[in-house]
Amino acid sequence: MRTYRAVLARLDAGASPERIADDLDRREDAVRAILESMRREGHVRRIDCSETGCSACPMADACPTPTSQTAQYVVSADGRALLGDERSSEQLTER
């Protein structure tokens, strides 16, 4: 569960799957498998950019996703709640 939450936290901070893999010293396909597991659990949503293209996206000008990457993951409210639970318990143990 530790890696799961580390991936979720980095994704919430705006890191790409490739960057997360580098940060955690994991293979990119392993990180993508974790992201798909998160999607099934409802902790992230997958946005498929290939269906609509950048021209239809309101965030196209600010999007950090390379045009060669056709999907992006965003943390859902449930994912943020999971991170919030972890952050709250960490703060309690620091006191």
C-alpha atoms as a PDB file:
ATOM      1  CA  MET A   1       0.000   0.000   0.000  1.00  0.00           C
ATOM      2  CA  ARG A   2       2.983   2.281   0.535  1.00  0.00           C
ATOM      3  CA  THR A   3       3.887   2.379  -3.183  1.00  0.00           C
ATOM      4  CA  TYR A   4       0.213   2.800  -4.095  1.00  0.00           C
ATOM      5  CA  ARG A   5      -0.060   5.937  -1.963  1.00  0.00           C
ATOM      6  CA  ALA A   6       3.317   7.246  -3.133  1.00  0.00           C
ATOM      7  CA  VAL A   7       2.146   6.976  -6.753  1.00  0.00           C
ATOM      8  CA  LEU A   8      -1.168   8.632  -5.865  1.00  0.00           C
ATOM      9  CA  ALA A   9       0.537  11.512  -4.036  1.00  0.00           C
ATOM     10  CA  ARG A  10       2.948  12.173  -6.906  1.00  0.00           C
ATOM     11  CA  LEU A  11       0.123  12.050  -9.427  1.00  0.00           C
ATOM     12  CA  ASP A  12      -1.833  14.528  -7.301  1.00  0.00           C
ATOM     13  CA  ALA A  13       1.219  16.807  -7.364  1.00  0.00           C
ATOM     14  CA  GLY A  14       1.126  16.750 -11.174  1.00  0.00           C
ATOM     15  CA  ALA A  15       3.807  14.194 -12.007  1.00  0.00           C
ATOM     16  CA  SER A  16       3.513  12.113 -15.165  1.00  0.00           C
ATOM     17  CA  PRO A  17       3.610   8.300 -15.021  1.00  0.00           C
ATOM     18  CA  GLU A  18       7.114   8.420 -16.496  1.00  0.00           C
ATOM     19  CA  ARG A  19       8.304  10.852 -13.817  1.00  0.00           C
ATOM     20  CA  ILE A  20       6.671   8.791 -11.061  1.00  0.00           C
ATOM     21  CA  ALA A  21       8.472   5.688 -12.308  1.00  0.00           C
ATOM     22  CA  ASP A  22      11.788   7.561 -12.234  1.00  0.00           C
ATOM     23  CA  ASP A  23      11.122   9.045  -8.789  1.00  0.00           C
ATOM     24  CA  LEU A  24      10.225   5.694  -7.260  1.00  0.00           C
ATOM     25  CA  ASP A  25      12.819   3.667  -9.179  1.00  0.00           C
ATOM     26  CA  ARG A  26      10.102   1.487 -10.715  1.00  0.00           C
ATOM     27  CA  ARG A  27       9.439   0.358 -14.259  1.00  0.00           C
ATOM     28  CA  GLU A  28       6.995   2.555 -16.137  1.00  0.00           C
ATOM     29  CA  ASP A  29       4.718  -0.401 -16.976  1.00  0.00           C
ATOM     30  CA  ALA A  30       4.486  -1.220 -13.248  1.00  0.00           C
ATOM     31  CA  VAL A  31       3.422   2.350 -12.471  1.00  0.00           C
ATOM     32  CA  ARG A  32       0.846   2.237 -15.264  1.00  0.00           C
ATOM     33  CA  ALA A  33      -0.515  -1.025 -13.820  1.00  0.00           C
ATOM     34  CA  ILE A  34      -0.852   0.664 -10.423  1.00  0.00           C
ATOM     35  CA  LEU A  35      -2.660   3.580 -12.106  1.00  0.00           C
ATOM     36  CA  GLU A  36      -5.113   1.181 -13.750  1.00  0.00           C
ATOM     37  CA  SER A  37      -5.716  -0.457 -10.368  1.00  0.00           C
ATOM     38  CA  MET A  38      -6.370   3.001  -8.927  1.00  0.00           C
ATOM     39  CA  ARG A  39      -8.824   3.677 -11.751  1.00  0.00           C
ATOM     40  CA  ARG A  40     -10.744   0.499 -10.945  1.00  0.00           C
ATOM     41  CA  GLU A  41     -10.821   1.473  -7.255  1.00  0.00           C
ATOM     42  CA  GLY A  42     -12.092   4.952  -8.129  1.00  0.00           C
ATOM     43  CA  HIS A  43      -9.013   6.788  -6.837  1.00  0.00           C
ATOM     44  CA  VAL A  44      -8.103   8.222 -10.255  1.00  0.00           C
ATOM     45  CA  ARG A  45      -9.910   8.993 -13.477  1.00  0.00           C
ATOM     46  CA  ARG A  46      -8.402   8.322 -16.866  1.00  0.00           C
ATOM     47  CA  ILE A  47      -8.867  11.031 -19.456  1.00  0.00           C
ATOM     48  CA  ASP A  48      -8.415   9.793 -23.009  1.00  0.00           C
ATOM     49  CA  CYS A  49      -7.042  12.673 -25.010  1.00  0.00           C
ATOM     50  CA  SER A  50      -6.999  10.714 -28.277  1.00  0.00           C
ATOM     51  CA  GLU A  51     -10.800  10.763 -28.594  1.00  0.00           C
ATOM     52  CA  THR A  52     -11.247  14.533 -28.553  1.00  0.00           C
ATOM     53  CA  GLY A  53      -7.771  15.855 -29.148  1.00  0.00           C
ATOM     54  CA  CYS A  54      -6.221  18.896 -27.589  1.00  0.00           C
ATOM     55  CA  SER A  55      -8.347  21.354 -29.580  1.00  0.00           C
ATOM     56  CA  ALA A  56     -11.480  20.311 -27.653  1.00  0.00           C
ATOM     57  CA  CYS A  57      -9.841  20.540 -24.227  1.00  0.00           C
ATOM     58  CA  PRO A  58     -10.300  23.695 -22.132  1.00  0.00           C
ATOM     59  CA  MET A  59      -6.910  23.046 -20.491  1.00  0.00           C
ATOM     60  CA  ALA A  60      -4.996  22.615 -23.766  1.00  0.00           C
ATOM     61  CA  ASP A  61      -2.869  25.741 -23.310  1.00  0.00           C
ATOM     62  CA  ALA A  62      -1.817  24.804 -19.759  1.00  0.00           C
ATOM     63  CA  CYS A  63      -1.601  21.023 -20.150  1.00  0.00           C
ATOM     64  CA  PRO A  64       1.809  19.522 -19.368  1.00  0.00           C
ATOM     65  CA  THR A  65       0.989  16.303 -21.238  1.00  0.00           C
ATOM     66  CA  PRO A  66       3.034  15.802 -24.396  1.00  0.00           C
ATOM     67  CA  THR A  67       0.907  15.496 -27.516  1.00  0.00           C
ATOM     68  CA  SER A  68       2.373  12.031 -28.087  1.00  0.00           C
ATOM     69  CA  GLN A  69       0.790  10.818 -24.837  1.00  0.00           C
ATOM     70  CA  THR A  70      -2.852   9.982 -25.407  1.00  0.00           C
ATOM     71  CA  ALA A  71      -4.068   9.494 -21.847  1.00  0.00           C
ATOM     72  CA  GLN A  72      -3.776  11.376 -18.614  1.00  0.00           C
ATOM     73  CA  TYR A  73      -4.744  10.356 -15.089  1.00  0.00           C
ATOM     74  CA  VAL A  74      -6.201  12.727 -12.508  1.00  0.00           C
ATOM     75  CA  VAL A  75      -6.794  12.041  -8.830  1.00  0.00           C
ATOM     76  CA  SER A  76     -10.480  11.770  -7.932  1.00  0.00           C
ATOM     77  CA  ALA A  77     -12.193  12.999  -4.771  1.00  0.00           C
ATOM     78  CA  ASP A  78     -11.907   9.465  -3.352  1.00  0.00           C
ATOM     79  CA  GLY A  79      -8.184   9.461  -4.094  1.00  0.00           C
ATOM     80  CA  ARG A  80      -7.736  12.803  -2.382  1.00  0.00           C
ATOM     81  CA  ALA A  81      -9.699  11.493   0.598  1.00  0.00           C
ATOM     82  CA  LEU A  82      -7.331   8.518   0.787  1.00  0.00           C
ATOM     83  CA  LEU A  83      -4.355  10.877   0.713  1.00  0.00           C
ATOM     84  CA  GLY A  84      -6.014  13.112   3.295  1.00  0.00           C
ATOM     85  CA  ASP A  85      -6.499  10.152   5.628  1.00  0.00           C
ATOM     86  CA  GLU A  86      -2.814   9.295   5.311  1.00  0.00           C
ATOM     87  CA  ARG A  87      -1.699  12.888   5.808  1.00  0.00           C
ATOM     88  CA  SER A  88      -3.898  13.220   8.896  1.00  0.00           C
ATOM     89  CA  SER A  89      -2.485  10.054  10.466  1.00  0.00           C
ATOM     90  CA  GLU A  90       1.080  11.219   9.704  1.00  0.00           C
ATOM     91  CA  GLN A  91       0.423  14.514  11.465  1.00  0.00           C
ATOM     92  CA  LEU A  92      -0.910  12.681  14.521  1.00  0.00           C
ATOM     93  CA  THR A  93       2.187  10.487  14.762  1.00  0.00           C
ATOM     94  CA  GLU A  94       4.468  13.538  14.509  1.00  0.00           C
ATOM     95  CA  ARG A  95       2.952  15.078  17.639  1.00  0.00           C
END
